[in-house]
Amino acid sequence: MIGTTGKYRLLIAEDDVSLRHIVSAFFIKNGFEVDEAADGIEACGLVMHNRYDVIILDIMMPGKDGIEVCSFIRTRYDVPVIFLTALGTESDIINGYEVGADEYVTKPFSTKLLLVKVNALIKRYKGLLVKNGRIILDELVIEPFKHTVSVDGNRLDISPREYDLLLYFVENKDQVLSRDQILDAVWGQDFIGYDRAVDTYVKKLRQTLGKASYHIETVIKSGYMWKN
C-alpha cells in the first residue's frame, strides 16, 4: 500500500541500530517511506497498525525473532517479506522460505542488490494476483517462498533454472524480453556462453509447464513474452 506521501512503504526490523539506520537512509534516499523496528515485538505492533509494501526482517532479534514475526505476518497479510540475516546455512535458508519469506539475503550484503530485490517483489505483488503468498495465473500457481509450481493442483518437477526463468517471465508479463535481457536477469551478467541457451531452457520450461505452456509466446526476431 502506498503511504501518505505517495511513496512505497517499507518496514525494517533490525536490532543493530547502525545497520538499521544505514538501510533506512538508503531506501529513503531511493524514494521509499520507511518505518523502523528495533525488535520483533515492535515489528508486530507496526504490522498490525500499518500497511506495508515490503517488510525486511532480521532473524536474530529480541522479543520475537524474525521467524516468529514472519509466521505472524503470514497468518494475516499478503505482503512481501525479506529476511536479512547473518544466518546463511542451507538449513537456515530453507527454514526461512518454509515459514513464508519471499527472499533471503545474507549479511554482508549490497544495499543496491537489496533495492533490486525489493523493487522486484513490489512489482510481483502489485502486478499479479497474490493470495496467501501464492502467485495465481489461471491454472498455474507459483509459491515463491517454497519455490514450487503447480498446474491444476499438480506439482511440477521444475529445475532451479526453469523456476528462475518462469518467475522472470511472469514478473515481466506482457513485455517482449530479448534473449540478452533474459540471460542477464536469469543467468547473470558474468555468464559465458551463447544466447541460444535461452531457447533451450524456454523449450524445457514449456515441456515442464505442459498445458500452461501457452503463456509463453515467441516473438519472431525479438525474444519471448509472457501472456496471461
Protein backbone atom coordinates (compact mmCIF):
# COMPACT_ATOMS: atom_id res chain seq x y z
CA MET A 1 0.00 0.00 0.00
CA ILE A 2 1.45 3.38 -0.99
CA GLY A 3 1.95 5.59 2.04
CA THR A 4 0.51 9.03 2.69
CA THR A 5 3.41 10.65 0.82
CA GLY A 6 2.65 8.67 -2.36
CA LYS A 7 5.75 6.52 -1.85
CA TYR A 8 6.01 2.78 -1.31
CA ARG A 9 6.16 1.98 2.39
CA LEU A 10 8.83 -0.26 3.87
CA LEU A 11 9.30 -1.73 7.36
CA ILE A 12 12.83 -2.59 8.51
CA ALA A 13 13.04 -4.73 11.66
CA GLU A 14 16.67 -4.98 12.79
CA ASP A 15 18.15 -4.77 16.30
CA ASP A 16 21.53 -3.50 15.06
CA VAL A 17 20.89 0.25 15.29
CA SER A 18 23.73 1.29 12.99
CA LEU A 19 22.79 -1.19 10.26
CA ARG A 20 19.09 -0.36 10.55
CA HIS A 21 19.77 3.35 10.10
CA ILE A 22 22.07 2.73 7.11
CA VAL A 23 19.45 0.61 5.33
CA SER A 24 16.68 3.03 6.25
CA ALA A 25 18.60 6.05 4.96
CA PHE A 26 19.42 4.23 1.72
CA PHE A 27 15.78 3.41 1.00
CA ILE A 28 14.60 6.90 1.94
CA LYS A 29 17.19 8.28 -0.50
CA ASN A 30 15.69 5.99 -3.15
CA GLY A 31 12.17 7.29 -2.67
CA PHE A 32 10.66 5.00 -0.02
CA GLU A 33 8.72 5.82 3.11
CA VAL A 34 10.40 3.81 5.90
CA ASP A 35 9.40 2.68 9.39
CA GLU A 36 11.90 1.07 11.75
CA ALA A 37 11.53 -1.56 14.47
CA ALA A 38 14.25 -2.47 16.96
CA ASP A 39 12.80 -5.88 17.87
CA GLY A 40 10.19 -8.44 16.89
CA ILE A 41 7.50 -7.23 19.26
CA GLU A 42 7.73 -3.67 17.91
CA ALA A 43 7.64 -5.05 14.38
CA CYS A 44 4.41 -6.99 15.04
CA GLY A 45 2.81 -3.89 16.52
CA LEU A 46 3.69 -1.81 13.47
CA VAL A 47 2.41 -4.50 11.11
CA MET A 48 -0.95 -4.58 12.91
CA HIS A 49 -1.43 -0.83 12.62
CA ASN A 50 0.04 -0.09 9.19
CA ARG A 51 0.10 -1.47 5.68
CA TYR A 52 3.48 -2.09 4.06
CA ASP A 53 4.62 -2.85 0.53
CA VAL A 54 7.66 -4.82 1.76
CA ILE A 55 8.90 -5.96 5.17
CA ILE A 56 12.60 -6.60 5.83
CA LEU A 57 13.31 -8.78 8.87
CA ASP A 58 16.42 -9.73 10.74
CA ILE A 59 16.08 -13.22 12.23
CA MET A 60 18.04 -12.86 15.47
CA MET A 61 16.04 -10.17 17.26
CA PRO A 62 14.99 -9.84 20.92
CA GLY A 63 11.37 -10.25 22.00
CA LYS A 64 10.20 -12.16 18.95
CA ASP A 65 12.72 -13.38 16.40
CA GLY A 66 12.27 -12.91 12.66
CA ILE A 67 10.87 -16.41 12.19
CA GLU A 68 8.09 -15.70 14.69
CA VAL A 69 7.37 -12.31 13.13
CA CYS A 70 7.20 -13.79 9.63
CA SER A 71 4.82 -16.53 10.81
CA PHE A 72 2.66 -13.85 12.45
CA ILE A 73 2.57 -11.85 9.22
CA ARG A 74 1.72 -14.85 7.05
CA THR A 75 -1.36 -15.72 9.11
CA ARG A 76 -2.80 -12.27 8.48
CA TYR A 77 -1.39 -10.43 5.48
CA ASP A 78 -0.20 -10.85 1.90
CA VAL A 79 2.93 -8.72 1.90
CA PRO A 80 6.44 -9.46 0.60
CA VAL A 81 8.89 -10.45 3.33
CA ILE A 82 12.68 -10.44 3.01
CA PHE A 83 14.94 -12.00 5.62
CA LEU A 84 18.16 -10.00 6.06
CA THR A 85 20.33 -12.07 8.34
CA ALA A 86 23.75 -13.45 9.22
CA LEU A 87 22.30 -16.98 9.32
CA GLY A 88 23.35 -18.38 5.98
CA THR A 89 23.46 -22.17 6.18
CA GLU A 90 21.32 -24.20 3.80
CA SER A 91 19.02 -25.27 6.64
CA ASP A 92 18.61 -21.63 7.75
CA ILE A 93 17.65 -20.56 4.24
CA ILE A 94 15.25 -23.47 3.73
CA ASN A 95 13.63 -22.73 7.09
CA GLY A 96 13.24 -19.09 6.10
CA TYR A 97 11.40 -19.98 2.91
CA GLU A 98 9.28 -22.58 4.68
CA VAL A 99 7.90 -20.05 7.17
CA GLY A 100 6.92 -17.75 4.31
CA ALA A 101 9.81 -15.48 3.30
CA ASP A 102 9.85 -14.36 -0.33
CA GLU A 103 13.58 -13.62 -0.36
CA TYR A 104 16.54 -14.50 1.84
CA VAL A 105 19.56 -12.15 1.88
CA THR A 106 22.63 -12.96 3.96
CA LYS A 107 24.96 -10.45 5.62
CA PRO A 108 27.20 -8.86 4.48
CA PHE A 109 25.07 -7.64 1.59
CA SER A 110 24.83 -5.00 -1.11
CA THR A 111 22.21 -2.31 -0.48
CA LYS A 112 21.87 -1.92 -4.26
CA LEU A 113 21.09 -5.63 -4.63
CA LEU A 114 18.61 -5.39 -1.75
CA LEU A 115 16.90 -2.49 -3.55
CA VAL A 116 16.64 -4.58 -6.73
CA LYS A 117 15.03 -7.43 -4.77
CA VAL A 118 12.61 -5.06 -3.02
CA ASN A 119 11.52 -3.49 -6.31
CA ALA A 120 11.09 -6.91 -7.93
CA LEU A 121 8.88 -8.10 -5.06
CA ILE A 122 6.73 -4.96 -5.22
CA LYS A 123 6.34 -5.44 -8.95
CA ARG A 124 5.38 -9.08 -8.43
CA TYR A 125 2.79 -8.38 -5.75
CA LYS A 126 1.31 -5.30 -7.45
CA GLY A 127 1.19 -6.73 -10.94
CA LEU A 128 -0.02 -10.26 -10.19
CA LEU A 129 -2.78 -11.87 -8.18
CA VAL A 130 -1.07 -12.88 -4.94
CA LYS A 131 -3.06 -14.71 -2.29
CA ASN A 132 -1.61 -16.27 0.86
CA GLY A 133 1.86 -15.75 -0.61
CA ARG A 134 0.96 -17.58 -3.84
CA ILE A 135 1.05 -16.16 -7.37
CA ILE A 136 -2.08 -17.31 -9.20
CA LEU A 137 -2.14 -17.31 -13.01
CA ASP A 138 -5.25 -19.17 -14.13
CA GLU A 139 -4.38 -22.88 -13.82
CA LEU A 140 -0.79 -22.07 -12.81
CA VAL A 141 0.16 -21.44 -9.17
CA ILE A 142 3.63 -20.37 -8.03
CA GLU A 143 4.61 -20.43 -4.36
CA PRO A 144 7.76 -18.26 -4.22
CA PHE A 145 8.61 -18.97 -0.59
CA LYS A 146 8.59 -22.72 -1.32
CA HIS A 147 9.98 -22.41 -4.87
CA THR A 148 7.23 -24.72 -6.12
CA VAL A 149 4.97 -24.59 -9.18
CA SER A 150 1.74 -26.46 -9.86
CA VAL A 151 -0.71 -26.73 -12.75
CA ASP A 152 -4.31 -27.67 -11.96
CA GLY A 153 -3.16 -28.62 -8.47
CA ASN A 154 -0.45 -30.98 -9.69
CA ARG A 155 3.04 -30.06 -8.51
CA LEU A 156 5.60 -29.86 -11.32
CA ASP A 157 9.13 -31.25 -11.31
CA ILE A 158 10.83 -27.98 -12.24
CA SER A 159 14.57 -27.31 -12.21
CA PRO A 160 16.02 -24.25 -10.40
CA ARG A 161 16.93 -22.61 -13.73
CA GLU A 162 13.48 -23.22 -15.18
CA TYR A 163 11.93 -21.80 -12.00
CA ASP A 164 14.04 -18.61 -12.21
CA LEU A 165 13.14 -18.26 -15.88
CA LEU A 166 9.42 -18.72 -15.15
CA LEU A 167 9.48 -16.14 -12.36
CA TYR A 168 11.28 -13.64 -14.59
CA PHE A 169 8.65 -14.15 -17.29
CA VAL A 170 5.65 -13.68 -15.01
CA GLU A 171 7.18 -10.65 -13.27
CA ASN A 172 7.55 -9.03 -16.69
CA LYS A 173 4.28 -10.18 -18.23
CA ASP A 174 3.13 -8.55 -21.48
CA GLN A 175 6.66 -7.30 -22.18
CA VAL A 176 8.83 -8.51 -25.05
CA LEU A 177 12.05 -9.83 -23.47
CA SER A 178 15.13 -10.21 -25.63
CA ARG A 179 17.49 -13.14 -25.20
CA ASP A 180 20.16 -10.79 -23.84
CA GLN A 181 17.75 -9.41 -21.23
CA ILE A 182 16.83 -12.92 -20.16
CA LEU A 183 20.47 -14.01 -19.98
CA ASP A 184 21.40 -11.03 -17.80
CA ALA A 185 18.42 -11.48 -15.47
CA VAL A 186 18.40 -15.27 -15.11
CA TRP A 187 21.99 -16.33 -15.77
CA GLY A 188 23.75 -13.13 -14.68
CA GLN A 189 25.96 -10.67 -16.50
CA ASP A 190 29.03 -12.85 -15.95
CA PHE A 191 27.52 -15.72 -17.94
CA ILE A 192 29.91 -17.06 -20.56
CA GLY A 193 28.03 -18.83 -23.30
CA TYR A 194 25.63 -18.14 -26.11
CA ASP A 195 22.15 -16.66 -26.23
CA ARG A 196 20.64 -19.85 -27.66
CA ALA A 197 20.88 -21.24 -24.12
CA VAL A 198 17.70 -19.21 -23.58
CA ASP A 199 15.93 -21.07 -26.37
CA THR A 200 16.99 -24.39 -24.89
CA TYR A 201 15.60 -23.55 -21.47
CA VAL A 202 12.43 -21.99 -22.83
CA LYS A 203 11.80 -25.27 -24.64
CA LYS A 204 12.42 -27.19 -21.38
CA LEU A 205 10.16 -24.85 -19.44
CA ARG A 206 7.35 -25.24 -21.97
CA GLN A 207 7.63 -29.02 -21.68
CA THR A 208 7.53 -28.77 -17.89
CA LEU A 209 4.51 -26.45 -17.88
CA GLY A 210 2.54 -28.74 -20.18
CA LYS A 211 -0.95 -27.34 -20.76
CA ALA A 212 0.14 -23.99 -19.25
CA SER A 213 2.94 -23.54 -21.80
CA TYR A 214 0.68 -21.38 -23.98
CA HIS A 215 1.52 -18.43 -21.70
CA ILE A 216 4.99 -18.20 -23.28
CA GLU A 217 4.82 -16.61 -26.71
CA THR A 218 7.70 -16.46 -29.19
CA VAL A 219 8.16 -13.00 -30.70
CA ILE A 220 9.92 -13.50 -34.02
CA LYS A 221 13.38 -11.86 -34.18
CA SER A 222 12.82 -10.28 -30.76
CA GLY A 223 12.58 -12.87 -28.00
CA TYR A 224 9.73 -14.05 -25.79
CA MET A 225 6.72 -12.66 -23.96
CA TRP A 226 4.53 -13.99 -21.14
CA LYS A 227 0.79 -13.56 -21.74
CA ASN A 228 -1.99 -14.33 -19.24
